Amino acid sequence: MLNKSKTVLATLGFAAATAFAGSALAQGQTQETGAYAGLSIGQTTADACNQITTLGTGASCDDKDMAWKIFGGYQFNRFIAAEGAYTDLGKVKLSGPGGSGEVKLNAWEIVAVGSYPIGTSGFAPYGKFGFYRGEVEATAPGFSAKETSNDWTAGLGVRYDITRNFAVRAEWQRYNGDVETDVLSIGALYKF
C-alpha cells in the first residue's frame, strides 16, 4: 500500500508541477473573497501500532494508508478563510497468529485558515487550526466496536492560484487524539 501511495503522490505532484510551469494566468488574478470547494488525496500515518501492546510475537501492524478529503469554505479576505471538511483517514491493519483486524478512521472538521499571499506570484503559504469530530471503527472476527471523539486539528501548507478560479495546494495536517494521525496531501480547489 505504501508504494501505491507514493506512486499516486508522485503522479499528482508531477501534474501539479506541470500546471505551475504553464500558468502565467495566475499573476494578479487571485480571487480575493468568495466560496470554494475542493478535493485532496494523500498518505496518512496513524500512531496506532505503537499503542497496541497486545499483538504479541509474530504479529504485524500497518498504520499507513491512503487518505482523501472533500472540503469547502469561504474566503473572507486575502488572509482569512473558514473551512469545513470530511476526511477519510484510511485504515490501520493488524494481523497475528490469532487472526486479523482493521481500524477505520475518519473525521469531520471545521477550521480557520490564515494565509499570506506572496505578492502577485500566485503562491500563498497557509496555516490552519480548528476542531474535528472523529470516528474510530475497529473490526476483527467476532468483534466490532465504534467510538467517536472530539479534539483539535492543525496544519501547514501552500496554495498556488493557477487561474482566478482554480488553485492547487499541498499540505500537512495533524489530527490530535488517542490515535494521533498525520496526513500529507495534495489537492485542487475551485473558487466560485
C-alpha atoms as a PDB file:
ATOM      1  CA  MET A   1       0.000   0.000   0.000  1.00  0.00           C
ATOM      2  CA  LEU A   2       2.890   2.354   0.804  1.00  0.00           C
ATOM      3  CA  ASN A   3       4.394   2.017  -2.701  1.00  0.00           C
ATOM      4  CA  LYS A   4       0.967   2.591  -4.244  1.00  0.00           C
ATOM      5  CA  SER A   5       0.533   5.749  -2.131  1.00  0.00           C
ATOM      6  CA  LYS A   6       3.976   7.027  -3.142  1.00  0.00           C
ATOM      7  CA  THR A   7       3.161   6.404  -6.812  1.00  0.00           C
ATOM      8  CA  VAL A   8      -0.142   8.293  -6.503  1.00  0.00           C
ATOM      9  CA  LEU A   9       1.573  11.211  -4.719  1.00  0.00           C
ATOM     10  CA  ALA A  10       4.387  11.335  -7.287  1.00  0.00           C
ATOM     11  CA  THR A  11       1.897  11.363 -10.174  1.00  0.00           C
ATOM     12  CA  LEU A  12      -0.190  14.102  -8.584  1.00  0.00           C
ATOM     13  CA  GLY A  13       2.956  16.069  -7.749  1.00  0.00           C
ATOM     14  CA  PHE A  14       4.100  15.883 -11.385  1.00  0.00           C
ATOM     15  CA  ALA A  15       0.663  17.066 -12.563  1.00  0.00           C
ATOM     16  CA  ALA A  16       0.762  19.988 -10.120  1.00  0.00           C
ATOM     17  CA  ALA A  17       4.303  20.944 -11.194  1.00  0.00           C
ATOM     18  CA  THR A  18       3.243  20.866 -14.845  1.00  0.00           C
ATOM     19  CA  ALA A  19       0.337  23.151 -14.036  1.00  0.00           C
ATOM     20  CA  PHE A  20       2.680  25.551 -12.180  1.00  0.00           C
ATOM     21  CA  ALA A  21       5.047  25.766 -15.125  1.00  0.00           C
ATOM     22  CA  GLY A  22       2.339  26.609 -17.641  1.00  0.00           C
ATOM     23  CA  SER A  23       0.481  29.174 -15.608  1.00  0.00           C
ATOM     24  CA  ALA A  24       1.206  32.786 -16.302  1.00  0.00           C
ATOM     25  CA  LEU A  25      -2.516  33.471 -15.883  1.00  0.00           C
ATOM     26  CA  ALA A  26      -2.386  33.393 -12.098  1.00  0.00           C
ATOM     27  CA  GLN A  27      -0.375  36.558 -11.684  1.00  0.00           C
ATOM     28  CA  GLY A  28      -2.554  39.363 -10.467  1.00  0.00           C
ATOM     29  CA  GLN A  29      -5.742  37.319 -10.852  1.00  0.00           C
ATOM     30  CA  THR A  30      -6.235  35.879  -7.367  1.00  0.00           C
ATOM     31  CA  GLN A  31      -9.867  35.954  -6.308  1.00  0.00           C
ATOM     32  CA  GLU A  32      -9.954  37.847  -3.010  1.00  0.00           C
ATOM     33  CA  THR A  33     -13.243  36.628  -1.478  1.00  0.00           C
ATOM     34  CA  GLY A  34     -15.915  34.010  -2.008  1.00  0.00           C
ATOM     35  CA  ALA A  35     -16.814  30.373  -1.577  1.00  0.00           C
ATOM     36  CA  TYR A  36     -14.620  27.487  -2.699  1.00  0.00           C
ATOM     37  CA  ALA A  37     -14.727  23.680  -2.789  1.00  0.00           C
ATOM     38  CA  GLY A  38     -12.127  21.036  -3.429  1.00  0.00           C
ATOM     39  CA  LEU A  39     -10.732  17.550  -3.089  1.00  0.00           C
ATOM     40  CA  SER A  40      -7.361  16.272  -1.870  1.00  0.00           C
ATOM     41  CA  ILE A  41      -5.606  12.930  -1.703  1.00  0.00           C
ATOM     42  CA  GLY A  42      -2.546  11.777   0.167  1.00  0.00           C
ATOM     43  CA  GLN A  43      -0.973   9.444   2.684  1.00  0.00           C
ATOM     44  CA  THR A  44      -1.966   9.055   6.296  1.00  0.00           C
ATOM     45  CA  THR A  45       0.161   7.782   9.151  1.00  0.00           C
ATOM     46  CA  ALA A  46      -1.685   6.880  12.350  1.00  0.00           C
ATOM     47  CA  ASP A  47       0.178   6.449  15.620  1.00  0.00           C
ATOM     48  CA  ALA A  48      -1.722   3.248  16.372  1.00  0.00           C
ATOM     49  CA  CYS A  49       0.870   0.476  16.159  1.00  0.00           C
ATOM     50  CA  ASN A  50       2.944   1.995  18.991  1.00  0.00           C
ATOM     51  CA  GLN A  51      -0.135   1.991  21.223  1.00  0.00           C
ATOM     52  CA  ILE A  52      -1.132  -1.619  20.614  1.00  0.00           C
ATOM     53  CA  THR A  53       0.823  -3.713  23.093  1.00  0.00           C
ATOM     54  CA  THR A  54      -1.206  -6.921  22.904  1.00  0.00           C
ATOM     55  CA  LEU A  55      -0.122  -8.025  19.410  1.00  0.00           C
ATOM     56  CA  GLY A  56       2.498 -10.477  20.651  1.00  0.00           C
ATOM     57  CA  THR A  57       5.097 -12.461  18.738  1.00  0.00           C
ATOM     58  CA  GLY A  58       4.517 -12.952  15.011  1.00  0.00           C
ATOM     59  CA  ALA A  59       2.066 -10.049  14.817  1.00  0.00           C
ATOM     60  CA  SER A  60       2.235  -7.171  12.369  1.00  0.00           C
ATOM     61  CA  CYS A  61       0.686  -3.741  12.171  1.00  0.00           C
ATOM     62  CA  ASP A  62       0.457  -1.366   9.189  1.00  0.00           C
ATOM     63  CA  ASP A  63      -0.563   2.149  10.176  1.00  0.00           C
ATOM     64  CA  LYS A  64      -0.020   3.860   6.791  1.00  0.00           C
ATOM     65  CA  ASP A  65      -2.772   4.150   4.191  1.00  0.00           C
ATOM     66  CA  MET A  66      -4.211   6.416   1.557  1.00  0.00           C
ATOM     67  CA  ALA A  67      -6.405   9.306   2.719  1.00  0.00           C
ATOM     68  CA  TRP A  68      -8.787  11.602   0.865  1.00  0.00           C
ATOM     69  CA  LYS A  69     -10.666  14.749   1.778  1.00  0.00           C
ATOM     70  CA  ILE A  70     -13.571  16.727   0.372  1.00  0.00           C
ATOM     71  CA  PHE A  71     -13.723  20.303   1.627  1.00  0.00           C
ATOM     72  CA  GLY A  72     -15.455  23.627   1.182  1.00  0.00           C
ATOM     73  CA  GLY A  73     -15.016  27.042   2.645  1.00  0.00           C
ATOM     74  CA  TYR A  74     -15.394  30.761   2.395  1.00  0.00           C
ATOM     75  CA  GLN A  75     -12.517  33.226   1.833  1.00  0.00           C
ATOM     76  CA  PHE A  76     -13.401  36.394   3.784  1.00  0.00           C
ATOM     77  CA  ASN A  77     -10.393  38.361   2.505  1.00  0.00           C
ATOM     78  CA  ARG A  78      -6.867  37.642   1.212  1.00  0.00           C
ATOM     79  CA  PHE A  79      -5.755  36.406   4.617  1.00  0.00           C
ATOM     80  CA  ILE A  80      -8.636  34.632   6.381  1.00  0.00           C
ATOM     81  CA  ALA A  81     -10.980  31.777   5.471  1.00  0.00           C
ATOM     82  CA  ALA A  82     -13.198  29.271   7.265  1.00  0.00           C
ATOM     83  CA  GLU A  83     -13.295  25.706   6.015  1.00  0.00           C
ATOM     84  CA  GLY A  84     -15.283  22.537   6.682  1.00  0.00           C
ATOM     85  CA  ALA A  85     -14.263  19.074   5.513  1.00  0.00           C
ATOM     86  CA  TYR A  86     -14.817  15.346   5.667  1.00  0.00           C
ATOM     87  CA  THR A  87     -11.601  13.287   5.691  1.00  0.00           C
ATOM     88  CA  ASP A  88     -11.319   9.538   5.226  1.00  0.00           C
ATOM     89  CA  LEU A  89      -8.128   8.782   7.150  1.00  0.00           C
ATOM     90  CA  GLY A  90      -7.787   5.219   5.886  1.00  0.00           C
ATOM     91  CA  LYS A  91      -7.236   2.041   7.891  1.00  0.00           C
ATOM     92  CA  VAL A  92      -4.776   0.522  10.324  1.00  0.00           C
ATOM     93  CA  LYS A  93      -4.354  -3.185   9.529  1.00  0.00           C
ATOM     94  CA  LEU A  94      -3.439  -5.721  12.209  1.00  0.00           C
ATOM     95  CA  SER A  95      -2.584  -9.387  11.824  1.00  0.00           C
ATOM     96  CA  GLY A  96      -1.214 -12.061  14.088  1.00  0.00           C
ATOM     97  CA  PRO A  97      -1.403 -15.722  14.995  1.00  0.00           C
ATOM     98  CA  GLY A  98      -4.918 -15.230  16.399  1.00  0.00           C
ATOM     99  CA  GLY A  99      -6.348 -13.571  13.273  1.00  0.00           C
ATOM    100  CA  SER A 100      -6.502 -10.158  11.676  1.00  0.00           C
ATOM    101  CA  GLY A 101      -8.440  -6.959  12.038  1.00  0.00           C
ATOM    102  CA  GLU A 102      -8.580  -3.355  10.993  1.00  0.00           C
ATOM    103  CA  VAL A 103      -9.305   0.067  12.424  1.00  0.00           C
ATOM    104  CA  LYS A 104     -11.006   2.615  10.146  1.00  0.00           C
ATOM    105  CA  LEU A 105     -10.561   6.324  10.868  1.00  0.00           C
ATOM    106  CA  ASN A 106     -12.485   9.362   9.610  1.00  0.00           C
ATOM    107  CA  ALA A 107     -13.116  12.942  10.707  1.00  0.00           C
ATOM    108  CA  TRP A 108     -15.485  15.873  10.194  1.00  0.00           C
ATOM    109  CA  GLU A 109     -13.704  19.159  10.798  1.00  0.00           C
ATOM    110  CA  ILE A 110     -14.130  22.909  10.901  1.00  0.00           C
ATOM    111  CA  VAL A 111     -11.009  25.088  10.794  1.00  0.00           C
ATOM    112  CA  ALA A 112      -9.873  28.678  10.444  1.00  0.00           C
ATOM    113  CA  VAL A 113      -7.342  29.156   7.644  1.00  0.00           C
ATOM    114  CA  GLY A 114      -4.837  32.007   7.720  1.00  0.00           C
ATOM    115  CA  SER A 115      -2.870  32.598   4.521  1.00  0.00           C
ATOM    116  CA  TYR A 116      -0.284  35.090   3.339  1.00  0.00           C
ATOM    117  CA  PRO A 117      -0.293  35.647  -0.450  1.00  0.00           C
ATOM    118  CA  ILE A 118       3.200  36.453  -1.761  1.00  0.00           C
ATOM    119  CA  GLY A 119       2.669  39.479  -3.993  1.00  0.00           C
ATOM    120  CA  THR A 120       1.166  38.535  -7.337  1.00  0.00           C
ATOM    121  CA  SER A 121       3.122  35.271  -7.674  1.00  0.00           C
ATOM    122  CA  GLY A 122       0.043  33.126  -7.029  1.00  0.00           C
ATOM    123  CA  PHE A 123       1.716  31.414  -4.047  1.00  0.00           C
ATOM    124  CA  ALA A 124       0.181  31.654  -0.576  1.00  0.00           C
ATOM    125  CA  PRO A 125       1.570  29.732   2.413  1.00  0.00           C
ATOM    126  CA  TYR A 126      -1.128  28.996   4.980  1.00  0.00           C
ATOM    127  CA  GLY A 127      -1.801  27.553   8.394  1.00  0.00           C
ATOM    128  CA  LYS A 128      -4.997  26.097   9.754  1.00  0.00           C
ATOM    129  CA  PHE A 129      -6.363  25.333  13.179  1.00  0.00           C
ATOM    130  CA  GLY A 130      -9.707  24.038  14.356  1.00  0.00           C
ATOM    131  CA  PHE A 131     -11.607  21.112  15.736  1.00  0.00           C
ATOM    132  CA  TYR A 132     -12.797  17.769  14.457  1.00  0.00           C
ATOM    133  CA  ARG A 133     -15.204  15.012  15.387  1.00  0.00           C
ATOM    134  CA  GLY A 134     -13.512  11.713  14.669  1.00  0.00           C
ATOM    135  CA  GLU A 135     -14.796   8.192  14.394  1.00  0.00           C
ATOM    136  CA  VAL A 136     -12.751   5.059  15.006  1.00  0.00           C
ATOM    137  CA  GLU A 137     -14.282   1.734  13.966  1.00  0.00           C
ATOM    138  CA  ALA A 138     -12.463  -1.481  14.895  1.00  0.00           C
ATOM    139  CA  THR A 139     -13.386  -4.853  13.400  1.00  0.00           C
ATOM    140  CA  ALA A 140     -11.975  -8.349  13.797  1.00  0.00           C
ATOM    141  CA  PRO A 141     -13.505 -11.822  13.512  1.00  0.00           C
ATOM    142  CA  GLY A 142     -16.242 -11.919  16.152  1.00  0.00           C
ATOM    143  CA  PHE A 143     -15.583  -8.334  17.302  1.00  0.00           C
ATOM    144  CA  SER A 144     -16.752  -4.878  16.341  1.00  0.00           C
ATOM    145  CA  ALA A 145     -16.550  -1.540  18.152  1.00  0.00           C
ATOM    146  CA  LYS A 146     -17.075   2.103  17.264  1.00  0.00           C
ATOM    147  CA  GLU A 147     -16.056   5.216  19.166  1.00  0.00           C
ATOM    148  CA  THR A 148     -16.344   8.939  18.448  1.00  0.00           C
ATOM    149  CA  SER A 149     -14.319  11.756  19.967  1.00  0.00           C
ATOM    150  CA  ASN A 150     -13.658  15.465  19.576  1.00  0.00           C
ATOM    151  CA  ASP A 151     -10.206  17.044  19.508  1.00  0.00           C
ATOM    152  CA  TRP A 152      -8.100  19.675  17.745  1.00  0.00           C
ATOM    153  CA  THR A 153      -6.507  19.626  14.305  1.00  0.00           C
ATOM    154  CA  ALA A 154      -3.841  21.861  12.778  1.00  0.00           C
ATOM    155  CA  GLY A 155      -1.901  22.023   9.550  1.00  0.00           C
ATOM    156  CA  LEU A 156       0.527  23.903   7.311  1.00  0.00           C
ATOM    157  CA  GLY A 157       0.537  24.161   3.552  1.00  0.00           C
ATOM    158  CA  VAL A 158       0.985  26.208   0.425  1.00  0.00           C
ATOM    159  CA  ARG A 159      -1.596  27.140  -2.215  1.00  0.00           C
ATOM    160  CA  TYR A 160      -0.876  28.136  -5.801  1.00  0.00           C
ATOM    161  CA  ASP A 161      -3.509  30.001  -7.806  1.00  0.00           C
ATOM    162  CA  ILE A 162      -3.316  28.691 -11.366  1.00  0.00           C
ATOM    163  CA  THR A 163      -6.172  30.904 -12.580  1.00  0.00           C
ATOM    164  CA  ARG A 164      -8.586  33.295 -10.924  1.00  0.00           C
ATOM    165  CA  ASN A 165     -10.908  30.397 -10.042  1.00  0.00           C
ATOM    166  CA  PHE A 166      -8.644  27.332  -9.834  1.00  0.00           C
ATOM    167  CA  ALA A 167      -5.853  26.550  -7.357  1.00  0.00           C
ATOM    168  CA  VAL A 168      -3.791  23.598  -6.163  1.00  0.00           C
ATOM    169  CA  ARG A 169      -2.370  23.068  -2.706  1.00  0.00           C
ATOM    170  CA  ALA A 170      -0.043  20.796  -0.762  1.00  0.00           C
ATOM    171  CA  GLU A 171      -0.346  20.377   2.989  1.00  0.00           C
ATOM    172  CA  TRP A 172       0.492  18.510   6.162  1.00  0.00           C
ATOM    173  CA  GLN A 173      -2.254  18.150   8.781  1.00  0.00           C
ATOM    174  CA  ARG A 174      -2.279  16.613  12.259  1.00  0.00           C
ATOM    175  CA  TYR A 175      -5.381  15.154  13.917  1.00  0.00           C
ATOM    176  CA  ASN A 176      -4.671  15.049  17.645  1.00  0.00           C
ATOM    177  CA  GLY A 177      -6.294  12.455  19.892  1.00  0.00           C
ATOM    178  CA  ASP A 178      -5.996   8.902  21.176  1.00  0.00           C
ATOM    179  CA  VAL A 179      -4.763   7.854  17.732  1.00  0.00           C
ATOM    180  CA  GLU A 180      -2.669  10.809  16.512  1.00  0.00           C
ATOM    181  CA  THR A 181      -2.825  10.905  12.745  1.00  0.00           C
ATOM    182  CA  ASP A 182      -0.752  12.881  10.226  1.00  0.00           C
ATOM    183  CA  VAL A 183      -1.782  13.417   6.614  1.00  0.00           C
ATOM    184  CA  LEU A 184       0.443  14.609   3.748  1.00  0.00           C
ATOM    185  CA  SER A 185      -1.713  15.536   0.775  1.00  0.00           C
ATOM    186  CA  ILE A 186      -2.092  17.475  -2.434  1.00  0.00           C
ATOM    187  CA  GLY A 187      -5.351  18.766  -3.762  1.00  0.00           C
ATOM    188  CA  ALA A 188      -7.202  21.159  -6.010  1.00  0.00           C
ATOM    189  CA  LEU A 189      -9.912  23.698  -5.324  1.00  0.00           C
ATOM    190  CA  TYR A 190     -12.353  25.747  -7.354  1.00  0.00           C
ATOM    191  CA  LYS A 191     -13.300  29.287  -6.282  1.00  0.00           C
ATOM    192  CA  PHE A 192     -16.887  30.260  -7.135  1.00  0.00           C
END
